[in-house]
Amino acid sequence: MPVCHHPCPDKIRRRPTGDLLQVRSGFAPTTALDPSTQPFEIIVRNASGILYQASLSPGDFVKSTNGFTFKDLGARRGQGIRNGLSTVRIAPVPGGTGTRINVDAFADLAAATDPLMTVEIRVGARRIAYTETWSPRRFGWQLSHR
């Protein structure tokens, strides 16, 4: 769900040292989220099955004045502790238009060959999911949110 007024595309970037998944999504402003007490999960799939799946426990997030963040510097080098999740940021969008979810993850995404992909994000019992046709790009795949 787009919660910004500027382009925030999802991307799969092919890299020789490990592909990079970037998801930029969000929850509606009426959705109450508390990552300090709720688990987080992201799943990306296509017709072949699950391309990527990872989760965080509530204790994995660090609370700041403007949201919650998880960072794992080892994920970029394949030494991550949560299946390649490098950064997860959950924060309110200025102006009250929703709660923003930014995910960066490193993984083998070679099975991402079908442009029709589903992204599913869960925070506790709250869930968002969207199935869209991604566009091929020189670097891999991109999904531009409307």
Protein backbone atom coordinates (compact mmCIF):
# COMPACT_ATOMS: atom_id res chain seq x y z
CA MET A 1 0.00 0.00 0.00
CA PRO A 2 1.57 3.32 -0.99
CA VAL A 3 1.66 5.77 1.90
CA CYS A 4 4.06 8.29 0.36
CA HIS A 5 3.53 11.00 -2.19
CA HIS A 6 6.71 10.12 -4.07
CA PRO A 7 7.85 6.96 -5.87
CA CYS A 8 8.93 4.23 -3.46
CA PRO A 9 9.44 1.16 -5.68
CA ASP A 10 10.09 -2.38 -4.55
CA LYS A 11 13.21 -3.82 -6.20
CA ILE A 12 15.13 -7.01 -6.67
CA ARG A 13 18.70 -6.09 -7.51
CA ARG A 14 20.86 -8.85 -8.96
CA ARG A 15 24.34 -8.75 -7.45
CA PRO A 16 27.29 -11.11 -7.76
CA THR A 17 27.69 -11.15 -3.97
CA GLY A 18 24.01 -11.83 -3.24
CA ASP A 19 20.78 -10.33 -4.51
CA LEU A 20 19.21 -7.39 -2.71
CA LEU A 21 15.47 -7.26 -2.01
CA GLN A 22 14.10 -3.80 -1.24
CA VAL A 23 10.45 -3.50 -0.21
CA ARG A 24 8.81 -0.14 0.49
CA SER A 25 5.26 -0.55 1.72
CA GLY A 26 2.98 0.51 4.51
CA PHE A 27 -0.11 0.06 6.61
CA ALA A 28 -3.16 2.31 6.73
CA PRO A 29 -3.16 5.05 9.39
CA THR A 30 -5.89 3.23 11.34
CA THR A 31 -3.75 0.11 11.80
CA ALA A 32 -2.20 -0.17 15.26
CA LEU A 33 1.26 -1.76 15.17
CA ASP A 34 3.66 -2.43 18.04
CA PRO A 35 6.83 -4.23 16.91
CA SER A 36 8.10 -4.14 20.50
CA THR A 37 5.52 -6.82 21.36
CA GLN A 38 4.65 -8.33 17.96
CA PRO A 39 6.66 -10.49 15.54
CA PHE A 40 7.43 -9.33 12.00
CA GLU A 41 7.44 -11.48 8.85
CA ILE A 42 7.98 -10.88 5.15
CA ILE A 43 7.28 -13.39 2.38
CA VAL A 44 7.83 -12.90 -1.36
CA ARG A 45 6.46 -15.56 -3.69
CA ASN A 46 5.66 -16.27 -7.32
CA ALA A 47 4.02 -19.19 -9.16
CA SER A 48 7.04 -21.38 -8.34
CA GLY A 49 6.61 -20.85 -4.59
CA ILE A 50 8.37 -18.86 -1.88
CA LEU A 51 11.27 -16.76 -3.17
CA TYR A 52 12.14 -15.21 0.18
CA GLN A 53 10.89 -15.51 3.74
CA ALA A 54 12.24 -14.07 6.97
CA SER A 55 10.96 -13.07 10.37
CA LEU A 56 11.95 -11.02 13.40
CA SER A 57 11.04 -11.43 17.04
CA PRO A 58 9.74 -8.42 19.00
CA GLY A 59 13.07 -8.15 20.85
CA ASP A 60 14.94 -7.72 17.55
CA PHE A 61 13.68 -4.16 17.08
CA VAL A 62 15.22 -1.04 18.63
CA LYS A 63 12.73 1.69 19.48
CA SER A 64 13.56 5.28 18.63
CA THR A 65 11.59 8.50 18.90
CA ASN A 66 10.23 7.92 15.40
CA GLY A 67 9.59 4.19 15.14
CA PHE A 68 11.35 0.84 15.30
CA THR A 69 14.47 -0.39 13.52
CA PHE A 70 16.27 -3.69 13.05
CA LYS A 71 19.79 -3.67 11.58
CA ASP A 72 22.14 -6.54 10.86
CA LEU A 73 25.39 -5.40 9.27
CA GLY A 74 26.48 -8.99 8.69
CA ALA A 75 23.56 -9.72 6.32
CA ARG A 76 25.28 -7.98 3.39
CA ARG A 77 28.20 -10.41 3.70
CA GLY A 78 26.02 -13.50 4.10
CA GLN A 79 26.59 -13.57 7.86
CA GLY A 80 23.16 -12.38 8.93
CA ILE A 81 21.23 -13.74 11.88
CA ARG A 82 17.70 -13.44 10.39
CA ASN A 83 17.80 -15.05 6.92
CA GLY A 84 19.45 -12.09 5.20
CA LEU A 85 17.36 -9.29 6.70
CA SER A 86 19.68 -6.30 6.75
CA THR A 87 17.36 -3.43 7.71
CA VAL A 88 13.71 -3.28 8.71
CA ARG A 89 12.26 0.10 9.61
CA ILE A 90 8.69 0.60 10.85
CA ALA A 91 7.75 4.23 11.39
CA PRO A 92 4.79 6.59 11.09
CA VAL A 93 4.65 8.66 7.93
CA PRO A 94 4.70 12.42 8.56
CA GLY A 95 1.22 13.83 8.13
CA GLY A 96 -0.47 10.73 9.53
CA THR A 97 -0.96 8.96 6.19
CA GLY A 98 0.06 5.55 7.54
CA THR A 99 2.90 3.48 8.91
CA ARG A 100 5.84 2.96 6.61
CA ILE A 101 7.64 -0.39 6.30
CA ASN A 102 11.10 -0.42 4.67
CA VAL A 103 12.85 -3.75 4.24
CA ASP A 104 16.31 -4.47 2.81
CA ALA A 105 17.38 -8.12 2.62
CA PHE A 106 20.20 -10.04 0.98
CA ALA A 107 19.40 -13.48 -0.41
CA ASP A 108 19.60 -15.73 -3.45
CA LEU A 109 16.62 -14.57 -5.51
CA ALA A 110 17.53 -16.43 -8.72
CA ALA A 111 14.05 -18.03 -8.71
CA ALA A 112 12.52 -14.58 -9.31
CA THR A 113 11.94 -15.24 -13.02
CA ASP A 114 8.16 -14.75 -13.21
CA PRO A 115 7.10 -11.07 -13.18
CA LEU A 116 3.91 -11.80 -11.20
CA MET A 117 5.01 -11.73 -7.55
CA THR A 118 3.28 -11.43 -4.19
CA VAL A 119 4.69 -9.50 -1.25
CA GLU A 120 3.21 -10.23 2.17
CA ILE A 121 4.15 -8.41 5.37
CA ARG A 122 2.88 -9.27 8.84
CA VAL A 123 3.29 -7.39 12.08
CA GLY A 124 1.58 -9.42 14.76
CA ALA A 125 -1.92 -10.27 13.49
CA ARG A 126 -1.90 -7.34 11.03
CA ARG A 127 -1.21 -8.27 7.43
CA ILE A 128 -0.79 -6.54 4.09
CA ALA A 129 -0.29 -8.38 0.82
CA TYR A 130 -0.22 -7.39 -2.81
CA THR A 131 0.21 -9.37 -6.01
CA GLU A 132 1.49 -7.30 -8.91
CA THR A 133 3.39 -7.64 -12.15
CA TRP A 134 6.96 -6.44 -11.65
CA SER A 135 8.87 -4.84 -14.53
CA PRO A 136 12.20 -6.24 -15.71
CA ARG A 137 15.05 -3.79 -15.32
CA ARG A 138 18.73 -3.89 -16.17
CA PHE A 139 19.46 -4.53 -12.46
CA GLY A 140 16.70 -7.14 -11.95
CA TRP A 141 13.03 -6.33 -11.17
CA GLN A 142 11.06 -3.28 -10.05
CA LEU A 143 7.52 -2.74 -8.85
CA SER A 144 6.41 0.88 -8.96
CA HIS A 145 3.61 1.58 -6.50
CA ARG A 146 0.62 3.52 -7.79
